[in-house]
C-alpha atoms as a PDB file:
ATOM      1  CA  MET A   1     -25.578   8.419 -10.357  1.00  0.00           C
ATOM      2  CA  GLU A   2     -28.266   6.352  -8.767  1.00  0.00           C
ATOM      3  CA  LEU A   3     -29.499   2.799  -9.000  1.00  0.00           C
ATOM      4  CA  GLY A   4     -32.743   2.545  -7.087  1.00  0.00           C
ATOM      5  CA  THR A   5     -31.940   3.941  -3.652  1.00  0.00           C
ATOM      6  CA  TYR A   6     -28.172   3.429  -4.047  1.00  0.00           C
ATOM      7  CA  PHE A   7     -25.934   6.384  -4.874  1.00  0.00           C
ATOM      8  CA  PHE A   8     -22.593   6.266  -6.705  1.00  0.00           C
ATOM      9  CA  LYS A   9     -20.135   9.081  -7.390  1.00  0.00           C
ATOM     10  CA  ASP A  10     -19.118   9.805 -10.974  1.00  0.00           C
ATOM     11  CA  ASP A  11     -15.461  10.637 -10.268  1.00  0.00           C
ATOM     12  CA  LEU A  12     -14.494   7.257  -8.798  1.00  0.00           C
ATOM     13  CA  PHE A  13     -13.431   3.872 -10.119  1.00  0.00           C
ATOM     14  CA  TYR A  14     -15.148   0.764  -8.731  1.00  0.00           C
ATOM     15  CA  SER A  15     -14.186  -2.885  -8.251  1.00  0.00           C
ATOM     16  CA  LYS A  16     -16.381  -5.981  -8.500  1.00  0.00           C
ATOM     17  CA  THR A  17     -16.001  -6.404  -4.731  1.00  0.00           C
ATOM     18  CA  HIS A  18     -17.562  -2.958  -4.124  1.00  0.00           C
ATOM     19  CA  GLU A  19     -14.525  -0.879  -3.189  1.00  0.00           C
ATOM     20  CA  TRP A  20     -13.968   2.515  -4.765  1.00  0.00           C
ATOM     21  CA  VAL A  21     -10.800   4.422  -5.538  1.00  0.00           C
ATOM     22  CA  LYS A  22     -10.283   8.107  -6.225  1.00  0.00           C
ATOM     23  CA  ILE A  23      -7.073   8.920  -8.031  1.00  0.00           C
ATOM     24  CA  GLU A  24      -5.570  12.284  -7.057  1.00  0.00           C
ATOM     25  CA  LYS A  25      -2.221  12.850  -8.758  1.00  0.00           C
ATOM     26  CA  ASP A  26       0.129  10.341  -7.093  1.00  0.00           C
ATOM     27  CA  ILE A  27      -2.240   9.204  -4.306  1.00  0.00           C
ATOM     28  CA  CYS A  28      -5.172   6.794  -4.445  1.00  0.00           C
ATOM     29  CA  ILE A  29      -7.918   7.129  -1.848  1.00  0.00           C
ATOM     30  CA  VAL A  30      -9.788   3.870  -1.105  1.00  0.00           C
ATOM     31  CA  GLY A  31     -13.200   3.221   0.434  1.00  0.00           C
ATOM     32  CA  ILE A  32     -16.336   1.103   0.202  1.00  0.00           C
ATOM     33  CA  ASP A  33     -19.398   2.076  -1.801  1.00  0.00           C
ATOM     34  CA  ASP A  34     -23.016   2.652  -0.860  1.00  0.00           C
ATOM     35  CA  TYR A  35     -24.051  -0.828  -1.986  1.00  0.00           C
ATOM     36  CA  SER A  36     -21.399  -2.523   0.145  1.00  0.00           C
ATOM     37  CA  GLN A  37     -22.085  -0.538   3.304  1.00  0.00           C
ATOM     38  CA  ARG A  38     -25.799  -1.342   3.085  1.00  0.00           C
ATOM     39  CA  GLU A  39     -25.205  -5.024   2.440  1.00  0.00           C
ATOM     40  CA  VAL A  40     -22.878  -5.404   5.425  1.00  0.00           C
ATOM     41  CA  GLY A  41     -25.160  -3.453   7.764  1.00  0.00           C
ATOM     42  CA  GLU A  42     -24.184  -1.375  10.767  1.00  0.00           C
ATOM     43  CA  ILE A  43     -20.380  -1.253  10.842  1.00  0.00           C
ATOM     44  CA  ALA A  44     -18.990  -1.649  14.351  1.00  0.00           C
ATOM     45  CA  TYR A  45     -15.224  -2.037  13.781  1.00  0.00           C
ATOM     46  CA  ILE A  46     -12.557  -1.644  11.127  1.00  0.00           C
ATOM     47  CA  GLU A  47      -9.118  -3.184  11.273  1.00  0.00           C
ATOM     48  CA  SER A  48      -7.219  -0.626   9.229  1.00  0.00           C
ATOM     49  CA  PRO A  49      -4.296  -1.728   7.078  1.00  0.00           C
ATOM     50  CA  ALA A  50      -0.833  -1.047   8.476  1.00  0.00           C
ATOM     51  CA  ILE A  51       1.000   1.980   7.131  1.00  0.00           C
ATOM     52  CA  GLY A  52       3.886   0.785   4.982  1.00  0.00           C
ATOM     53  CA  ASN A  53       2.094  -2.387   3.852  1.00  0.00           C
ATOM     54  CA  ASN A  54       2.372  -3.128   0.164  1.00  0.00           C
ATOM     55  CA  VAL A  55      -0.851  -4.437  -1.344  1.00  0.00           C
ATOM     56  CA  LYS A  56      -1.613  -5.866  -4.742  1.00  0.00           C
ATOM     57  CA  GLN A  57      -4.662  -5.113  -6.818  1.00  0.00           C
ATOM     58  CA  PHE A  58      -7.668  -7.211  -5.736  1.00  0.00           C
ATOM     59  CA  GLN A  59      -5.764  -8.687  -2.784  1.00  0.00           C
ATOM     60  CA  PHE A  60      -6.757  -8.410   0.903  1.00  0.00           C
ATOM     61  CA  LEU A  61      -6.432  -4.889   2.301  1.00  0.00           C
ATOM     62  CA  CYS A  62      -8.279  -4.921   5.625  1.00  0.00           C
ATOM     63  CA  GLU A  63     -11.342  -6.177   7.466  1.00  0.00           C
ATOM     64  CA  ILE A  64     -14.625  -4.575   8.502  1.00  0.00           C
ATOM     65  CA  GLU A  65     -16.922  -6.018  11.155  1.00  0.00           C
ATOM     66  CA  SER A  66     -20.609  -5.261  11.324  1.00  0.00           C
ATOM     67  CA  VAL A  67     -23.279  -6.468  13.675  1.00  0.00           C
ATOM     68  CA  LYS A  68     -24.109  -9.275  11.244  1.00  0.00           C
ATOM     69  CA  THR A  69     -20.886 -10.225   9.429  1.00  0.00           C
ATOM     70  CA  VAL A  70     -17.163  -9.732   8.803  1.00  0.00           C
ATOM     71  CA  LEU A  71     -16.256  -8.299   5.410  1.00  0.00           C
ATOM     72  CA  ASP A  72     -12.860  -8.557   3.757  1.00  0.00           C
ATOM     73  CA  ILE A  73     -11.898  -5.391   1.877  1.00  0.00           C
ATOM     74  CA  PHE A  74      -9.711  -5.786  -1.192  1.00  0.00           C
ATOM     75  CA  SER A  75      -7.409  -3.186  -2.671  1.00  0.00           C
ATOM     76  CA  PRO A  76      -8.708  -1.792  -5.962  1.00  0.00           C
ATOM     77  CA  ILE A  77      -5.160  -0.854  -6.978  1.00  0.00           C
ATOM     78  CA  SER A  78      -1.623  -1.971  -6.088  1.00  0.00           C
ATOM     79  CA  GLY A  79       0.397   0.285  -3.853  1.00  0.00           C
ATOM     80  CA  GLU A  80       1.862   1.144  -0.483  1.00  0.00           C
ATOM     81  CA  VAL A  81      -0.433   2.191   2.370  1.00  0.00           C
ATOM     82  CA  VAL A  82       0.698   5.714   3.282  1.00  0.00           C
ATOM     83  CA  GLU A  83      -2.190   6.851   5.484  1.00  0.00           C
ATOM     84  CA  THR A  84      -5.214   5.424   7.268  1.00  0.00           C
ATOM     85  CA  ASN A  85      -8.347   7.274   8.269  1.00  0.00           C
ATOM     86  CA  LYS A  86      -8.174   7.656  12.057  1.00  0.00           C
ATOM     87  CA  GLU A  87     -11.671   9.147  12.083  1.00  0.00           C
ATOM     88  CA  ILE A  88     -13.294   5.859  10.986  1.00  0.00           C
ATOM     89  CA  GLU A  89     -11.199   3.861  13.451  1.00  0.00           C
ATOM     90  CA  ASN A  90     -12.925   5.831  16.223  1.00  0.00           C
ATOM     91  CA  SER A  91     -16.312   6.052  14.456  1.00  0.00           C
ATOM     92  CA  PRO A  92     -16.602   3.138  11.989  1.00  0.00           C
ATOM     93  CA  ASP A  93     -20.296   3.914  11.472  1.00  0.00           C
ATOM     94  CA  LEU A  94     -19.164   6.842   9.294  1.00  0.00           C
ATOM     95  CA  LEU A  95     -18.656   4.218   6.571  1.00  0.00           C
ATOM     96  CA  ASN A  96     -22.434   3.719   6.708  1.00  0.00           C
ATOM     97  CA  THR A  97     -23.507   7.341   6.932  1.00  0.00           C
ATOM     98  CA  ALA A  98     -20.991   8.831   4.470  1.00  0.00           C
ATOM     99  CA  PRO A  99     -19.345   6.032   2.443  1.00  0.00           C
ATOM    100  CA  TYR A 100     -17.742   8.383  -0.082  1.00  0.00           C
ATOM    101  CA  ASP A 101     -16.424  10.888   2.440  1.00  0.00           C
ATOM    102  CA  SER A 102     -15.212   8.230   4.880  1.00  0.00           C
ATOM    103  CA  TRP A 103     -12.262   6.682   3.113  1.00  0.00           C
ATOM    104  CA  ILE A 104     -10.319   3.740   4.555  1.00  0.00           C
ATOM    105  CA  CYS A 105      -6.763   4.465   3.447  1.00  0.00           C
ATOM    106  CA  LYS A 106      -4.546   6.249   0.994  1.00  0.00           C
ATOM    107  CA  LEU A 107      -2.146   4.374  -1.237  1.00  0.00           C
ATOM    108  CA  LYS A 108       0.903   5.428  -3.177  1.00  0.00           C
ATOM    109  CA  PRO A 109       0.119   3.491  -6.363  1.00  0.00           C
ATOM    110  CA  LEU A 110       2.643   1.218  -8.029  1.00  0.00           C
ATOM    111  CA  ASN A 111       0.999   1.248 -11.450  1.00  0.00           C
ATOM    112  CA  LEU A 112      -1.907   3.528 -12.314  1.00  0.00           C
ATOM    113  CA  ASP A 113      -2.413   1.566 -15.535  1.00  0.00           C
ATOM    114  CA  GLU A 114      -4.203  -0.979 -13.325  1.00  0.00           C
ATOM    115  CA  LYS A 115      -7.247   1.299 -13.374  1.00  0.00           C
ATOM    116  CA  ILE A 116      -8.088  -0.421 -16.670  1.00  0.00           C
ATOM    117  CA  ASN A 117      -9.178  -3.381 -14.501  1.00  0.00           C
ATOM    118  CA  LEU A 118     -11.707  -1.181 -12.668  1.00  0.00           C
ATOM    119  CA  MET A 119     -15.100   0.175 -13.731  1.00  0.00           C
ATOM    120  CA  ASN A 120     -16.304   3.731 -14.176  1.00  0.00           C
ATOM    121  CA  VAL A 121     -19.685   4.555 -12.650  1.00  0.00           C
ATOM    122  CA  GLU A 122     -21.712   3.591 -15.749  1.00  0.00           C
ATOM    123  CA  GLU A 123     -19.951   0.225 -16.071  1.00  0.00           C
ATOM    124  CA  TYR A 124     -20.329  -0.391 -12.354  1.00  0.00           C
ATOM    125  CA  ILE A 125     -24.068   0.297 -12.333  1.00  0.00           C
ATOM    126  CA  LYS A 126     -24.484  -2.075 -15.284  1.00  0.00           C
ATOM    127  CA  TYR A 127     -22.479  -4.695 -13.361  1.00  0.00           C
ATOM    128  CA  LEU A 128     -24.634  -4.220 -10.231  1.00  0.00           C
ATOM    129  CA  LYS A 129     -27.869  -4.528 -12.220  1.00  0.00           C
ATOM    130  CA  GLU A 130     -26.692  -7.894 -13.558  1.00  0.00           C
ATOM    131  CA  MET A 131     -25.454  -9.023 -10.130  1.00  0.00           C
ATOM    132  CA  ILE A 132     -28.708  -8.074  -8.395  1.00  0.00           C
ATOM    133  CA  LYS A 133     -30.749 -10.010 -10.995  1.00  0.00           C
ATOM    134  CA  LYS A 134     -29.002 -13.288 -10.091  1.00  0.00           C
END
C-alpha cells in the first residue's frame, strides 16, 4: 500500500515508532519502514543488537546513525535475538534503498499475542496520516 510516495507492505505488522515485524512460524523478522528510513536520512551505521539479548515489546533494541541524527530502534515484539543481519552491518545504506528486504534482526518471540499491540498496514497508514497532519 502507498501513502503519497511512501510504500508499505501488506504482510507486516507496524509499531507507532515505525518498526515493522514479519511473523514466520516461530521467528519474527524486524526492520524499519519506508517512512522511518526517509525521516532519518542517509544511514551510515547500525549498532546491531547482541545475539542472545532478550528484549521486551516497545523497549530499546538497537541504534541507527545517519548523517543527520541517531535513531533508537524499539522492538515491536518481545523475544530473544537469534540472528542479526550482517549485510546491513557492512552496508547500512541498504536500510534506505530496500527497507523491507534489509531486516535488522530475527527474534524468537516470547508471546505472539503481543501482535495485538501492533497495527496492520491499513491501521498504520491511518495512524501516519494523523501523525503527519500534526
